């Protein structure tokens, strides 16, 4: 009997040990599964953040491009306005010089002044056109619309 009792105890101990091992293996499998899931989650977050950063960089590049284009357009509008003002001034100077020339009675008196003023104005406009040409400000306008054309 004692031998049987010892055998039963040994069998129960072995069963408890097997049960304990099985529980430990299950816990290890669960932990492994959780670890893999957390690694996959970290990878997903990293990829998502990289994608966001890439989209932000593309957005910033587009924004800078639009800002540069806007500045270019503003500068071109300023150039066009200056050219228009120069043309109008040229016309006004011509009219004033013609008026003063007619009032002076030909080449005498103020008549010589009008020729000199016109000559200086034409030279100044010629230099402005050269400067604009060197800046690459070709806006498609013909020479017929330049201030020199009205002279």
Foldseek 3Di string as FASTA:
>chain_A
DVVVVVVVVVVVVVVVVVVVVVVVVVVVVVVVVVVVVVVVVVVVVVVVVVVVVVVVVVVVVVVVVVVVVVVVVVVLVVVVVVQVVLLVVLLVLLVVLVVVCVVQPHCPDSVVVSVVVNVVSLVVQVVVVVVCVVVVSCPPDDPCPGSNVSD
